[in-house]
Amino acid sequence: MKVVRILLGRFLYFFFSHLPVSWSRVNVGQKALRGFCGKLILAKCGKNVNIEKGAQFSSTSELGDNSGIGVNARMSGKVIIGSNVMMGENVTIIVRNHAFGRTDVPMNQQGFEEERPVIIGDDVWIGTNVTILPGVKIGNGAIIGAGSVVTKDVADYCIVGGNPAKVIKSRK
């Protein structure tokens, strides 16, 4: 039954993902329709979620209450998003990388490392064009500046930015 639910959700989402963004002047219920698909597809999906146009996500991901997945966001594998999370456009969240440990075998033939889930706390703001790498944990109340590449954990209430992302200041 779970597989049928996910397949139905993916089928519907194929169409609904092309509807206008949630803030468009044209409102055909796109937020509710994509949210319905999220409830079918995601491992856990909270209330009042906002899955934007063109977002791609895995059925192993979780999305908390009042949280969103940004326009054209790409999330592969298990990503756990807390409540009240804002996400800008073109955010990429990666949970596994290519293996490259051997030098006697070309990297493109070494396969992949084990998946390392990304965990995003509550009340987080992720700016546009952010990339988050495997295994990163973003603490509650954090802000990730636009264009940042997050390679390490971010503490609660920290504002980070840059490539690689570094602490700019604390919100406390």
Protein backbone atom coordinates (compact mmCIF):
# COMPACT_ATOMS: atom_id res chain seq x y z
CA MET A 1 0.00 0.00 0.00
CA LYS A 2 2.88 2.40 0.81
CA VAL A 3 4.39 1.88 -2.65
CA VAL A 4 1.03 2.56 -4.32
CA ARG A 5 0.63 5.75 -2.24
CA ILE A 6 4.10 6.98 -3.26
CA LEU A 7 3.53 6.12 -6.94
CA LEU A 8 0.18 7.94 -6.93
CA GLY A 9 1.81 10.93 -5.26
CA ARG A 10 4.64 10.99 -7.83
CA PHE A 11 2.16 10.71 -10.70
CA LEU A 12 0.09 13.63 -9.43
CA TYR A 13 3.17 15.64 -8.50
CA PHE A 14 4.45 15.33 -12.07
CA PHE A 15 1.57 17.59 -13.09
CA PHE A 16 1.27 19.75 -9.97
CA SER A 17 4.99 20.59 -9.91
CA HIS A 18 4.48 22.62 -13.09
CA LEU A 19 1.77 24.84 -11.61
CA PRO A 20 2.72 28.44 -10.75
CA VAL A 21 4.72 29.29 -7.63
CA SER A 22 2.71 29.75 -4.44
CA TRP A 23 3.00 33.57 -4.49
CA SER A 24 1.74 33.84 -8.07
CA ARG A 25 -1.26 36.05 -8.86
CA VAL A 26 -2.73 32.98 -10.52
CA ASN A 27 -4.06 30.77 -7.76
CA VAL A 28 -5.39 27.37 -8.77
CA GLY A 29 -4.75 25.82 -5.37
CA GLN A 30 -1.16 24.94 -6.23
CA LYS A 31 0.06 25.11 -2.63
CA ALA A 32 -2.66 22.72 -1.43
CA LEU A 33 -2.21 20.37 -4.41
CA ARG A 34 1.56 20.07 -3.99
CA GLY A 35 1.11 19.74 -0.22
CA PHE A 36 -1.29 16.84 -0.81
CA CYS A 37 1.34 15.15 -2.96
CA GLY A 38 3.91 15.73 -0.22
CA LYS A 39 1.66 13.89 2.24
CA LEU A 40 1.50 10.95 -0.19
CA ILE A 41 5.20 10.88 -1.04
CA LEU A 42 7.19 11.99 2.01
CA ALA A 43 8.01 9.68 4.92
CA LYS A 44 6.57 12.38 7.23
CA CYS A 45 4.79 15.55 6.19
CA GLY A 46 3.51 18.20 8.59
CA LYS A 47 0.60 20.60 8.36
CA ASN A 48 0.54 23.74 6.21
CA VAL A 49 3.61 22.79 4.16
CA ASN A 50 4.67 24.64 1.00
CA ILE A 51 6.33 22.58 -1.71
CA GLU A 52 7.21 24.95 -4.51
CA LYS A 53 7.23 24.59 -8.28
CA GLY A 54 9.89 22.25 -9.65
CA ALA A 55 11.08 20.95 -6.27
CA GLN A 56 12.53 17.43 -6.26
CA PHE A 57 12.62 15.35 -3.10
CA SER A 58 12.87 11.75 -1.93
CA SER A 59 10.18 9.60 -0.34
CA THR A 60 12.57 9.07 2.59
CA SER A 61 12.61 12.79 3.43
CA GLU A 62 10.58 14.48 6.18
CA LEU A 63 9.01 17.94 6.26
CA GLY A 64 7.77 19.61 9.47
CA ASP A 65 4.77 21.85 10.11
CA ASN A 66 4.72 25.24 8.35
CA SER A 67 7.90 24.43 6.40
CA GLY A 68 8.68 24.72 2.74
CA ILE A 69 10.80 23.27 -0.03
CA GLY A 70 11.92 26.07 -2.37
CA VAL A 71 11.42 26.57 -6.09
CA ASN A 72 13.60 24.10 -8.03
CA ALA A 73 15.11 22.69 -4.82
CA ARG A 74 16.92 19.36 -5.18
CA MET A 75 17.00 16.97 -2.22
CA SER A 76 18.21 13.44 -2.79
CA GLY A 77 17.88 10.81 -0.08
CA LYS A 78 16.97 11.31 3.56
CA VAL A 79 16.63 14.97 4.51
CA ILE A 80 14.85 15.79 7.76
CA ILE A 81 13.42 19.31 7.83
CA GLY A 82 11.98 20.66 11.07
CA SER A 83 9.07 23.03 11.59
CA ASN A 84 8.87 26.64 10.36
CA VAL A 85 11.74 26.28 7.89
CA MET A 86 12.01 28.72 4.96
CA MET A 87 13.94 27.65 1.88
CA GLY A 88 14.91 29.86 -1.06
CA GLU A 89 15.11 28.94 -4.71
CA ASN A 90 17.59 26.46 -6.20
CA VAL A 91 18.71 24.94 -2.90
CA THR A 92 20.63 21.67 -3.30
CA ILE A 93 20.87 19.18 -0.44
CA ILE A 94 23.16 16.20 -1.02
CA VAL A 95 23.22 13.14 1.23
CA ARG A 96 25.91 11.05 -0.44
CA ASN A 97 28.99 11.63 -2.53
CA HIS A 98 31.13 9.74 -5.01
CA ALA A 99 33.72 7.38 -3.59
CA PHE A 100 37.28 8.40 -4.46
CA GLY A 101 39.50 6.57 -1.96
CA ARG A 102 41.34 4.38 -4.46
CA THR A 103 43.84 5.71 -6.96
CA ASP A 104 44.10 2.47 -8.95
CA VAL A 105 40.45 2.69 -10.08
CA PRO A 106 38.94 5.69 -11.90
CA MET A 107 36.67 7.71 -9.63
CA ASN A 108 33.69 7.25 -11.93
CA GLN A 109 33.96 3.48 -11.36
CA GLN A 110 34.20 3.56 -7.56
CA GLY A 111 30.49 4.03 -6.88
CA PHE A 112 29.14 6.06 -4.00
CA GLU A 113 29.80 6.52 -0.30
CA GLU A 114 27.12 5.54 2.22
CA GLU A 115 24.23 7.96 2.55
CA ARG A 116 24.60 10.48 5.38
CA PRO A 117 21.27 12.21 6.11
CA VAL A 118 21.02 15.98 6.45
CA ILE A 119 19.08 17.29 9.46
CA ILE A 120 17.65 20.81 9.51
CA GLY A 121 16.28 22.08 12.82
CA ASP A 122 13.25 24.27 13.52
CA ASP A 123 12.91 27.95 12.54
CA VAL A 124 15.71 27.89 9.95
CA TRP A 125 16.07 30.20 6.94
CA ILE A 126 18.01 28.79 3.99
CA GLY A 127 18.80 31.40 1.33
CA THR A 128 18.72 31.08 -2.44
CA ASN A 129 21.33 28.90 -4.22
CA VAL A 130 22.60 27.23 -1.04
CA THR A 131 24.30 23.83 -1.24
CA ILE A 132 24.30 21.59 1.84
CA LEU A 133 26.67 18.60 1.81
CA PRO A 134 26.15 15.10 3.26
CA GLY A 135 25.80 14.57 7.00
CA VAL A 136 25.40 18.24 7.91
CA LYS A 137 23.18 19.22 10.84
CA ILE A 138 21.76 22.74 10.87
CA GLY A 139 20.69 23.89 14.32
CA ASN A 140 17.47 25.59 15.39
CA GLY A 141 17.09 29.24 14.47
CA ALA A 142 20.04 29.26 12.05
CA ILE A 143 20.26 31.42 8.93
CA ILE A 144 22.21 30.22 5.88
CA GLY A 145 23.19 33.11 3.59
CA ALA A 146 22.41 32.99 -0.13
CA GLY A 147 24.99 31.18 -2.26
CA SER A 148 26.63 29.42 0.69
CA VAL A 149 28.14 25.93 0.59
CA VAL A 150 27.55 24.30 3.97
CA THR A 151 30.22 21.65 4.61
CA LYS A 152 30.02 21.42 8.42
CA ASP A 153 27.38 21.49 11.14
CA VAL A 154 25.82 24.85 11.98
CA ALA A 155 25.13 25.61 15.65
CA ASP A 156 21.78 26.87 16.94
CA TYR A 157 21.02 30.53 16.12
CA CYS A 158 24.16 31.05 14.03
CA ILE A 159 24.20 33.04 10.80
CA VAL A 160 26.60 31.51 8.28
CA GLY A 161 27.65 32.44 4.77
CA GLY A 162 30.28 31.88 2.11
CA ASN A 163 32.06 28.99 0.43
CA PRO A 164 32.71 27.13 2.60
CA ALA A 165 30.14 28.60 4.96
CA LYS A 166 31.59 30.24 8.06
CA VAL A 167 29.92 31.79 11.10
CA ILE A 168 29.19 35.48 10.53
CA LYS A 169 27.49 36.08 13.86
CA SER A 170 25.05 34.66 16.38
CA ARG A 171 21.41 35.68 16.57
CA LYS A 172 21.57 35.56 20.37
